Structures are given as structure tokens and as C-alpha cells.
């Protein structure tokens, strides 16, 4: 059965792959991103493939942006039954060099966006007996240099996932995935030595593909996972069994 699925940060990388995966399943996809052109591009790809999708500019850190999206979707009878919180922000720097504004922004986008999604659409999620899937990170469990705010935010997403799974049970299931090293544009500026180190840390010996995260997200949001809630699932190529930082 087709559902309305809202994906944040869906203009690039993992978020775009998630949007495409839900479209291929036959769902009606709400493609949101701060980058409107990127959201439009992904939506165009979905529509060209015969799938149902619309593009929307969304600043997940802004209450008024969520309110505007809510009014638009509800007015069209498209309040979401599934939300995938994928939007994030990161600035690489040790804590003593990280600007306070960047610290707050990273937390407000990466963690605050999850809170705002449920605050905005808890009623439609409940009515649909829907699902939330939060894209956290292996940074929630392990430490790498230069990621204090990102690690704190992703760790918060893990804790909030468990809390929300309790708050909104039994009607709404809430789970999270923990991607490891996934080949997206964030690796474009990383040198060959660091890329090789990342591959060594995974027992599968390679980077993951965004589609490999998307398939797990679609599973957790679907009926095949109907008795699964409050879990945090690594999608890391075995990094969590071998990590050496």
C-alpha cells in the first residue's frame, strides 16, 4: 500500500538514495532539503521513473519552515505516515577550535530536526500507525578526531530514537540506522590515505553505497519490520566489530 513518506536532507547522498528507494516501492515521496535545486533534481528523477514525488525546501532547524511544510502537505491531504530524518550538518574541528555558533547549529540541525519532525507530524504518524527512521552514525558509538558536535548530535539521535519509541508506542515505530563509511560527497575532499584507513576499518574492506543504507531504512519503515521498534542498526560493513581509530 502506498504511503506518504517524508525524507529530510534528500537532495544528495544517502537521503537521495532513500527517497529513490521509497519511490521504487510505490510510495508518495516528499523530498525535502535546504538545497531546493537538489530536491528538485531528485524529484525529477523520481517522476521520470514514473514515481510520485514533490520537492520542498525545508530548514529542519527552523520551526517556521516546518510549519509551512505542514500547512502545505496537510492542505494537499499528504501528511506523512513515514518520516526519515536524514538531514545533518558538520564542521570538522576539535572542541576548543569549534565556533560556538557552529556547535549550536550542528546540534540544532542534526538532533533538533528529529524533534521538530515528530512535534510537527506526531498526529499523522499516529493516525497512520506509521514509522520514523532516524539516520544516526557510527560517530554515535566511536570517536574520531575533529567531530565533537557531530558525535554529540548523533549520539543524541540514538538516545532520542529510543525515547520516542516509548513515547509513541504502540502506534508509531521509531528506529535508527548507523551508517559507517558510505561513499557520498563528504568523502570528496578526503585524501587517499584516510580513505584507505576507512576501508581497513570495515571487515568487508570497502565503502558502503547509499543504496545499501536506503534498503535498511525501507525495511525498518515497512510491514516486514512490524515488530521492530527502538533499535539502532549499524549499516557499517563490519566497522563496529573491528574499528581501530
C-alpha atoms as a PDB file:
ATOM      1  CA  UNK A   1       0.000   0.000   0.000  1.00  0.00           C
ATOM      2  CA  UNK A   2       1.304   3.443  -0.917  1.00  0.00           C
ATOM      3  CA  UNK A   3       2.183   5.817   1.908  1.00  0.00           C
ATOM      4  CA  UNK A   4       3.300   9.424   2.118  1.00  0.00           C
ATOM      5  CA  UNK A   5       6.982   9.337   3.090  1.00  0.00           C
ATOM      6  CA  UNK A   6       8.863  12.493   4.117  1.00  0.00           C
ATOM      7  CA  UNK A   7      12.653  12.394   3.801  1.00  0.00           C
ATOM      8  CA  UNK A   8      14.818  15.230   5.114  1.00  0.00           C
ATOM      9  CA  UNK A   9      18.195  16.029   3.594  1.00  0.00           C
ATOM     10  CA  UNK A  10      17.055  14.155   0.498  1.00  0.00           C
ATOM     11  CA  UNK A  11      18.876  16.214  -2.105  1.00  0.00           C
ATOM     12  CA  UNK A  12      22.150  14.304  -2.003  1.00  0.00           C
ATOM     13  CA  UNK A  13      23.852  11.087  -0.958  1.00  0.00           C
ATOM     14  CA  UNK A  14      22.090   8.793   1.476  1.00  0.00           C
ATOM     15  CA  UNK A  15      18.960  10.948   1.606  1.00  0.00           C
ATOM     16  CA  UNK A  16      18.568  10.917  -2.182  1.00  0.00           C
ATOM     17  CA  UNK A  17      19.033   7.139  -2.244  1.00  0.00           C
ATOM     18  CA  UNK A  18      16.385   6.769   0.463  1.00  0.00           C
ATOM     19  CA  UNK A  19      13.930   8.913  -1.496  1.00  0.00           C
ATOM     20  CA  UNK A  20      14.529   6.832  -4.638  1.00  0.00           C
ATOM     21  CA  UNK A  21      14.098   3.567  -2.715  1.00  0.00           C
ATOM     22  CA  UNK A  22      10.720   4.607  -1.344  1.00  0.00           C
ATOM     23  CA  UNK A  23       9.669   5.808  -4.778  1.00  0.00           C
ATOM     24  CA  UNK A  24      10.593   2.436  -6.270  1.00  0.00           C
ATOM     25  CA  UNK A  25       8.461   0.812  -3.584  1.00  0.00           C
ATOM     26  CA  UNK A  26       5.484   2.829  -4.830  1.00  0.00           C
ATOM     27  CA  UNK A  27       5.270   5.372  -2.034  1.00  0.00           C
ATOM     28  CA  UNK A  28       4.448   9.062  -2.442  1.00  0.00           C
ATOM     29  CA  UNK A  29       7.728  10.765  -1.542  1.00  0.00           C
ATOM     30  CA  UNK A  30       8.083  14.231  -0.006  1.00  0.00           C
ATOM     31  CA  UNK A  31      11.644  15.177  -0.966  1.00  0.00           C
ATOM     32  CA  UNK A  32      12.925  17.907   1.354  1.00  0.00           C
ATOM     33  CA  UNK A  33      16.256  19.685   1.518  1.00  0.00           C
ATOM     34  CA  UNK A  34      17.658  23.096   2.344  1.00  0.00           C
ATOM     35  CA  UNK A  35      19.064  22.980  -1.203  1.00  0.00           C
ATOM     36  CA  UNK A  36      15.958  23.464  -3.320  1.00  0.00           C
ATOM     37  CA  UNK A  37      17.708  22.737  -6.613  1.00  0.00           C
ATOM     38  CA  UNK A  38      18.961  19.406  -5.302  1.00  0.00           C
ATOM     39  CA  UNK A  39      15.488  18.485  -4.028  1.00  0.00           C
ATOM     40  CA  UNK A  40      14.044  19.358  -7.435  1.00  0.00           C
ATOM     41  CA  UNK A  41      16.644  17.219  -9.195  1.00  0.00           C
ATOM     42  CA  UNK A  42      15.874  14.137  -7.093  1.00  0.00           C
ATOM     43  CA  UNK A  43      12.154  14.713  -7.527  1.00  0.00           C
ATOM     44  CA  UNK A  44      12.638  14.957 -11.264  1.00  0.00           C
ATOM     45  CA  UNK A  45      14.450  11.626 -11.290  1.00  0.00           C
ATOM     46  CA  UNK A  46      11.605  10.018  -9.373  1.00  0.00           C
ATOM     47  CA  UNK A  47       8.940  11.441 -11.643  1.00  0.00           C
ATOM     48  CA  UNK A  48      10.849  10.481 -14.788  1.00  0.00           C
ATOM     49  CA  UNK A  49      10.820   6.911 -13.473  1.00  0.00           C
ATOM     50  CA  UNK A  50       7.054   7.080 -13.033  1.00  0.00           C
ATOM     51  CA  UNK A  51       7.030   7.598  -9.277  1.00  0.00           C
ATOM     52  CA  UNK A  52       5.044  10.085  -7.181  1.00  0.00           C
ATOM     53  CA  UNK A  53       7.146  12.820  -5.550  1.00  0.00           C
ATOM     54  CA  UNK A  54       7.229  16.518  -4.727  1.00  0.00           C
ATOM     55  CA  UNK A  55      10.145  18.771  -3.803  1.00  0.00           C
ATOM     56  CA  UNK A  56      10.128  21.164  -0.852  1.00  0.00           C
ATOM     57  CA  UNK A  57      12.703  23.499   0.669  1.00  0.00           C
ATOM     58  CA  UNK A  58      12.966  22.675   4.368  1.00  0.00           C
ATOM     59  CA  UNK A  59      15.271  24.089   7.016  1.00  0.00           C
ATOM     60  CA  UNK A  60      14.993  21.399   9.689  1.00  0.00           C
ATOM     61  CA  UNK A  61      16.392  23.811  12.295  1.00  0.00           C
ATOM     62  CA  UNK A  62      13.592  26.361  11.767  1.00  0.00           C
ATOM     63  CA  UNK A  63      10.171  25.996  13.374  1.00  0.00           C
ATOM     64  CA  UNK A  64       8.524  28.227  10.781  1.00  0.00           C
ATOM     65  CA  UNK A  65       9.890  26.091   7.952  1.00  0.00           C
ATOM     66  CA  UNK A  66       8.300  23.004   9.487  1.00  0.00           C
ATOM     67  CA  UNK A  67       5.038  24.897   9.995  1.00  0.00           C
ATOM     68  CA  UNK A  68       4.971  25.969   6.343  1.00  0.00           C
ATOM     69  CA  UNK A  69       5.646  22.411   5.161  1.00  0.00           C
ATOM     70  CA  UNK A  70       2.938  21.069   7.462  1.00  0.00           C
ATOM     71  CA  UNK A  71       0.366  23.525   6.127  1.00  0.00           C
ATOM     72  CA  UNK A  72       1.265  22.681   2.524  1.00  0.00           C
ATOM     73  CA  UNK A  73       1.151  18.916   2.986  1.00  0.00           C
ATOM     74  CA  UNK A  74      -1.996  18.888   5.092  1.00  0.00           C
ATOM     75  CA  UNK A  75      -3.696  21.175   2.598  1.00  0.00           C
ATOM     76  CA  UNK A  76      -2.943  18.626  -0.105  1.00  0.00           C
ATOM     77  CA  UNK A  77      -4.037  15.659   2.025  1.00  0.00           C
ATOM     78  CA  UNK A  78      -0.447  14.390   2.188  1.00  0.00           C
ATOM     79  CA  UNK A  79       0.501  14.439   5.872  1.00  0.00           C
ATOM     80  CA  UNK A  80       3.233  11.813   6.227  1.00  0.00           C
ATOM     81  CA  UNK A  81       2.808   8.282   7.529  1.00  0.00           C
ATOM     82  CA  UNK A  82       6.579   7.753   7.491  1.00  0.00           C
ATOM     83  CA  UNK A  83       9.380  10.200   8.269  1.00  0.00           C
ATOM     84  CA  UNK A  84      13.057   9.593   7.621  1.00  0.00           C
ATOM     85  CA  UNK A  85      15.261  12.104   9.431  1.00  0.00           C
ATOM     86  CA  UNK A  86      18.469  12.242   7.424  1.00  0.00           C
ATOM     87  CA  UNK A  87      19.424  15.944   7.410  1.00  0.00           C
ATOM     88  CA  UNK A  88      22.683  16.760   9.149  1.00  0.00           C
ATOM     89  CA  UNK A  89      25.376  19.394   9.467  1.00  0.00           C
ATOM     90  CA  UNK A  90      29.030  19.023  10.371  1.00  0.00           C
ATOM     91  CA  UNK A  91      32.091  21.198  10.880  1.00  0.00           C
ATOM     92  CA  UNK A  92      35.357  19.332  11.455  1.00  0.00           C
ATOM     93  CA  UNK A  93      37.357  20.847  14.307  1.00  0.00           C
ATOM     94  CA  UNK A  94      38.401  19.916  17.851  1.00  0.00           C
ATOM     95  CA  UNK A  95      36.098  21.264  20.535  1.00  0.00           C
ATOM     96  CA  UNK A  96      38.376  24.137  21.594  1.00  0.00           C
ATOM     97  CA  UNK A  97      38.543  25.412  17.997  1.00  0.00           C
ATOM     98  CA  UNK A  98      34.876  24.926  17.134  1.00  0.00           C
ATOM     99  CA  UNK A  99      32.952  28.176  16.972  1.00  0.00           C
ATOM    100  CA  UNK A 100      30.007  28.208  19.418  1.00  0.00           C
ATOM    101  CA  UNK A 101      27.634  29.096  16.597  1.00  0.00           C
ATOM    102  CA  UNK A 102      28.745  26.001  14.686  1.00  0.00           C
ATOM    103  CA  UNK A 103      28.284  23.832  17.790  1.00  0.00           C
ATOM    104  CA  UNK A 104      24.708  25.017  18.231  1.00  0.00           C
ATOM    105  CA  UNK A 105      23.904  24.765  14.518  1.00  0.00           C
ATOM    106  CA  UNK A 106      25.170  21.176  14.251  1.00  0.00           C
ATOM    107  CA  UNK A 107      23.051  20.116  17.218  1.00  0.00           C
ATOM    108  CA  UNK A 108      20.010  22.066  16.038  1.00  0.00           C
ATOM    109  CA  UNK A 109      20.064  20.568  12.536  1.00  0.00           C
ATOM    110  CA  UNK A 110      21.160  17.019  13.271  1.00  0.00           C
ATOM    111  CA  UNK A 111      19.334  16.420  16.559  1.00  0.00           C
ATOM    112  CA  UNK A 112      16.783  19.224  16.660  1.00  0.00           C
ATOM    113  CA  UNK A 113      15.432  18.252  13.256  1.00  0.00           C
ATOM    114  CA  UNK A 114      14.336  14.874  14.641  1.00  0.00           C
ATOM    115  CA  UNK A 115      12.467  16.575  17.497  1.00  0.00           C
ATOM    116  CA  UNK A 116      10.747  19.020  15.140  1.00  0.00           C
ATOM    117  CA  UNK A 117       9.652  16.275  12.766  1.00  0.00           C
ATOM    118  CA  UNK A 118       7.748  14.434  15.482  1.00  0.00           C
ATOM    119  CA  UNK A 119       6.460  17.618  17.053  1.00  0.00           C
ATOM    120  CA  UNK A 120       5.039  18.642  13.678  1.00  0.00           C
ATOM    121  CA  UNK A 121       3.598  15.340  12.464  1.00  0.00           C
ATOM    122  CA  UNK A 122       3.012  13.155  15.529  1.00  0.00           C
ATOM    123  CA  UNK A 123      -0.721  13.163  14.805  1.00  0.00           C
ATOM    124  CA  UNK A 124      -0.448  11.901  11.226  1.00  0.00           C
ATOM    125  CA  UNK A 125       2.146   9.328  12.222  1.00  0.00           C
ATOM    126  CA  UNK A 126      -0.163   8.083  14.969  1.00  0.00           C
ATOM    127  CA  UNK A 127      -3.255   8.015  12.767  1.00  0.00           C
ATOM    128  CA  UNK A 128      -1.400   6.020  10.115  1.00  0.00           C
ATOM    129  CA  UNK A 129       0.249   3.686  12.637  1.00  0.00           C
ATOM    130  CA  UNK A 130       3.372   4.872  10.900  1.00  0.00           C
ATOM    131  CA  UNK A 131       7.100   4.799  11.370  1.00  0.00           C
ATOM    132  CA  UNK A 132      10.083   7.064  11.924  1.00  0.00           C
ATOM    133  CA  UNK A 133      13.587   6.069  10.872  1.00  0.00           C
ATOM    134  CA  UNK A 134      16.444   8.283  12.029  1.00  0.00           C
ATOM    135  CA  UNK A 135      19.775   8.258  10.244  1.00  0.00           C
ATOM    136  CA  UNK A 136      22.370   8.467  13.006  1.00  0.00           C
ATOM    137  CA  UNK A 137      26.020   7.454  12.505  1.00  0.00           C
ATOM    138  CA  UNK A 138      28.744   5.234  13.865  1.00  0.00           C
ATOM    139  CA  UNK A 139      30.043   8.502  15.328  1.00  0.00           C
ATOM    140  CA  UNK A 140      27.389   7.931  17.999  1.00  0.00           C
ATOM    141  CA  UNK A 141      29.393   4.956  19.264  1.00  0.00           C
ATOM    142  CA  UNK A 142      33.014   5.613  18.337  1.00  0.00           C
ATOM    143  CA  UNK A 143      35.289   8.653  18.423  1.00  0.00           C
ATOM    144  CA  UNK A 144      37.250  10.107  15.523  1.00  0.00           C
ATOM    145  CA  UNK A 145      39.249  13.343  15.760  1.00  0.00           C
ATOM    146  CA  UNK A 146      37.531  16.610  14.942  1.00  0.00           C
ATOM    147  CA  UNK A 147      33.885  15.606  15.381  1.00  0.00           C
ATOM    148  CA  UNK A 148      32.774  16.694  18.879  1.00  0.00           C
ATOM    149  CA  UNK A 149      29.459  18.307  17.935  1.00  0.00           C
ATOM    150  CA  UNK A 150      28.637  15.753  15.248  1.00  0.00           C
ATOM    151  CA  UNK A 151      29.286  12.871  17.650  1.00  0.00           C
ATOM    152  CA  UNK A 152      27.218  14.537  20.367  1.00  0.00           C
ATOM    153  CA  UNK A 153      24.361  15.168  17.948  1.00  0.00           C
ATOM    154  CA  UNK A 154      24.351  11.655  16.515  1.00  0.00           C
ATOM    155  CA  UNK A 155      24.599  10.169  19.999  1.00  0.00           C
ATOM    156  CA  UNK A 156      21.597  12.296  20.894  1.00  0.00           C
ATOM    157  CA  UNK A 157      19.716  10.925  17.892  1.00  0.00           C
ATOM    158  CA  UNK A 158      20.289   7.403  19.198  1.00  0.00           C
ATOM    159  CA  UNK A 159      19.017   8.278  22.674  1.00  0.00           C
ATOM    160  CA  UNK A 160      16.069  10.228  21.264  1.00  0.00           C
ATOM    161  CA  UNK A 161      15.159   7.310  18.995  1.00  0.00           C
ATOM    162  CA  UNK A 162      14.786   5.034  21.994  1.00  0.00           C
ATOM    163  CA  UNK A 163      12.813   7.648  23.907  1.00  0.00           C
ATOM    164  CA  UNK A 164      10.419   8.335  21.027  1.00  0.00           C
ATOM    165  CA  UNK A 165       9.875   4.622  20.502  1.00  0.00           C
ATOM    166  CA  UNK A 166       8.492   4.531  24.043  1.00  0.00           C
ATOM    167  CA  UNK A 167       6.588   7.823  23.897  1.00  0.00           C
ATOM    168  CA  UNK A 168       4.613   6.945  20.770  1.00  0.00           C
ATOM    169  CA  UNK A 169       4.150   3.197  21.184  1.00  0.00           C
ATOM    170  CA  UNK A 170       2.191   1.236  20.252  1.00  0.00           C
ATOM    171  CA  UNK A 171       1.021   3.264  17.260  1.00  0.00           C
ATOM    172  CA  UNK A 172       4.333   4.597  15.894  1.00  0.00           C
ATOM    173  CA  UNK A 173       7.527   2.594  15.497  1.00  0.00           C
ATOM    174  CA  UNK A 174      10.783   4.529  15.808  1.00  0.00           C
ATOM    175  CA  UNK A 175      14.165   3.082  14.823  1.00  0.00           C
ATOM    176  CA  UNK A 176      17.579   4.314  13.733  1.00  0.00           C
ATOM    177  CA  UNK A 177      20.361   3.238  11.418  1.00  0.00           C
ATOM    178  CA  UNK A 178      24.059   3.839  11.998  1.00  0.00           C
ATOM    179  CA  UNK A 179      25.871   4.202   8.668  1.00  0.00           C
ATOM    180  CA  UNK A 180      29.586   3.612   8.618  1.00  0.00           C
ATOM    181  CA  UNK A 181      31.804   4.872   5.799  1.00  0.00           C
ATOM    182  CA  UNK A 182      29.415   5.442   2.905  1.00  0.00           C
ATOM    183  CA  UNK A 183      30.676   6.810  -0.410  1.00  0.00           C
ATOM    184  CA  UNK A 184      28.989  10.192  -0.658  1.00  0.00           C
ATOM    185  CA  UNK A 185      30.242  13.683  -1.464  1.00  0.00           C
ATOM    186  CA  UNK A 186      31.545  14.147   2.105  1.00  0.00           C
ATOM    187  CA  UNK A 187      34.486  11.962   1.055  1.00  0.00           C
ATOM    188  CA  UNK A 188      35.350  14.133  -1.956  1.00  0.00           C
ATOM    189  CA  UNK A 189      37.939  16.138  -0.022  1.00  0.00           C
ATOM    190  CA  UNK A 190      39.406  13.176   1.886  1.00  0.00           C
ATOM    191  CA  UNK A 191      42.865  12.038   0.810  1.00  0.00           C
ATOM    192  CA  UNK A 192      43.733   8.534  -0.351  1.00  0.00           C
ATOM    193  CA  UNK A 193      45.435   7.558   2.910  1.00  0.00           C
ATOM    194  CA  UNK A 194      42.364   8.371   5.002  1.00  0.00           C
ATOM    195  CA  UNK A 195      40.118   6.602   2.507  1.00  0.00           C
ATOM    196  CA  UNK A 196      42.287   3.506   2.731  1.00  0.00           C
ATOM    197  CA  UNK A 197      42.164   3.663   6.534  1.00  0.00           C
ATOM    198  CA  UNK A 198      38.368   3.826   6.449  1.00  0.00           C
ATOM    199  CA  UNK A 199      38.198   0.752   4.233  1.00  0.00           C
ATOM    200  CA  UNK A 200      40.563  -1.150   6.531  1.00  0.00           C
ATOM    201  CA  UNK A 201      38.244  -0.472   9.458  1.00  0.00           C
ATOM    202  CA  UNK A 202      35.397  -2.380   7.799  1.00  0.00           C
ATOM    203  CA  UNK A 203      35.584  -6.160   7.698  1.00  0.00           C
ATOM    204  CA  UNK A 204      34.028  -6.021   4.219  1.00  0.00           C
ATOM    205  CA  UNK A 205      37.031  -3.961   3.122  1.00  0.00           C
ATOM    206  CA  UNK A 206      35.197  -1.288   1.166  1.00  0.00           C
ATOM    207  CA  UNK A 207      32.971   1.751   1.370  1.00  0.00           C
ATOM    208  CA  UNK A 208      29.231   1.269   1.527  1.00  0.00           C
ATOM    209  CA  UNK A 209      26.867   2.617  -1.095  1.00  0.00           C
ATOM    210  CA  UNK A 210      23.995   4.970  -0.233  1.00  0.00           C
ATOM    211  CA  UNK A 211      21.588   2.386  -1.648  1.00  0.00           C
ATOM    212  CA  UNK A 212      22.782  -0.125   0.929  1.00  0.00           C
ATOM    213  CA  UNK A 213      21.670   2.209   3.721  1.00  0.00           C
ATOM    214  CA  UNK A 214      18.421   3.009   1.910  1.00  0.00           C
ATOM    215  CA  UNK A 215      17.404  -0.649   1.711  1.00  0.00           C
ATOM    216  CA  UNK A 216      17.682  -1.000   5.503  1.00  0.00           C
ATOM    217  CA  UNK A 217      15.696   2.204   6.056  1.00  0.00           C
ATOM    218  CA  UNK A 218      12.901   0.963   3.777  1.00  0.00           C
ATOM    219  CA  UNK A 219      12.851  -2.335   5.679  1.00  0.00           C
ATOM    220  CA  UNK A 220      12.585  -0.638   9.068  1.00  0.00           C
ATOM    221  CA  UNK A 221       9.765   1.592   7.826  1.00  0.00           C
ATOM    222  CA  UNK A 222       7.789  -1.286   6.341  1.00  0.00           C
ATOM    223  CA  UNK A 223       5.474  -4.075   7.405  1.00  0.00           C
ATOM    224  CA  UNK A 224       8.277  -6.646   7.393  1.00  0.00           C
ATOM    225  CA  UNK A 225       9.624  -4.841  10.478  1.00  0.00           C
ATOM    226  CA  UNK A 226       6.214  -4.515  12.161  1.00  0.00           C
ATOM    227  CA  UNK A 227       7.512  -5.945  15.464  1.00  0.00           C
ATOM    228  CA  UNK A 228      10.719  -3.892  15.463  1.00  0.00           C
ATOM    229  CA  UNK A 229      10.959  -0.635  17.383  1.00  0.00           C
ATOM    230  CA  UNK A 230      13.550   1.216  19.456  1.00  0.00           C
ATOM    231  CA  UNK A 231      16.506  -0.457  17.738  1.00  0.00           C
ATOM    232  CA  UNK A 232      19.719   1.077  16.449  1.00  0.00           C
ATOM    233  CA  UNK A 233      21.021  -0.897  13.473  1.00  0.00           C
ATOM    234  CA  UNK A 234      24.597  -0.497  12.206  1.00  0.00           C
ATOM    235  CA  UNK A 235      24.987  -0.409   8.424  1.00  0.00           C
ATOM    236  CA  UNK A 236      28.755  -0.258   8.591  1.00  0.00           C
ATOM    237  CA  UNK A 237      30.358  -3.112   6.668  1.00  0.00           C
ATOM    238  CA  UNK A 238      31.553  -4.615   9.947  1.00  0.00           C
ATOM    239  CA  UNK A 239      33.296  -1.487  11.223  1.00  0.00           C
ATOM    240  CA  UNK A 240      31.775  -1.900  14.674  1.00  0.00           C
ATOM    241  CA  UNK A 241      33.473  -5.273  15.096  1.00  0.00           C
ATOM    242  CA  UNK A 242      36.950  -4.135  14.074  1.00  0.00           C
ATOM    243  CA  UNK A 243      37.213  -0.368  14.493  1.00  0.00           C
ATOM    244  CA  UNK A 244      40.660   0.980  15.285  1.00  0.00           C
ATOM    245  CA  UNK A 245      40.686   4.738  15.489  1.00  0.00           C
END
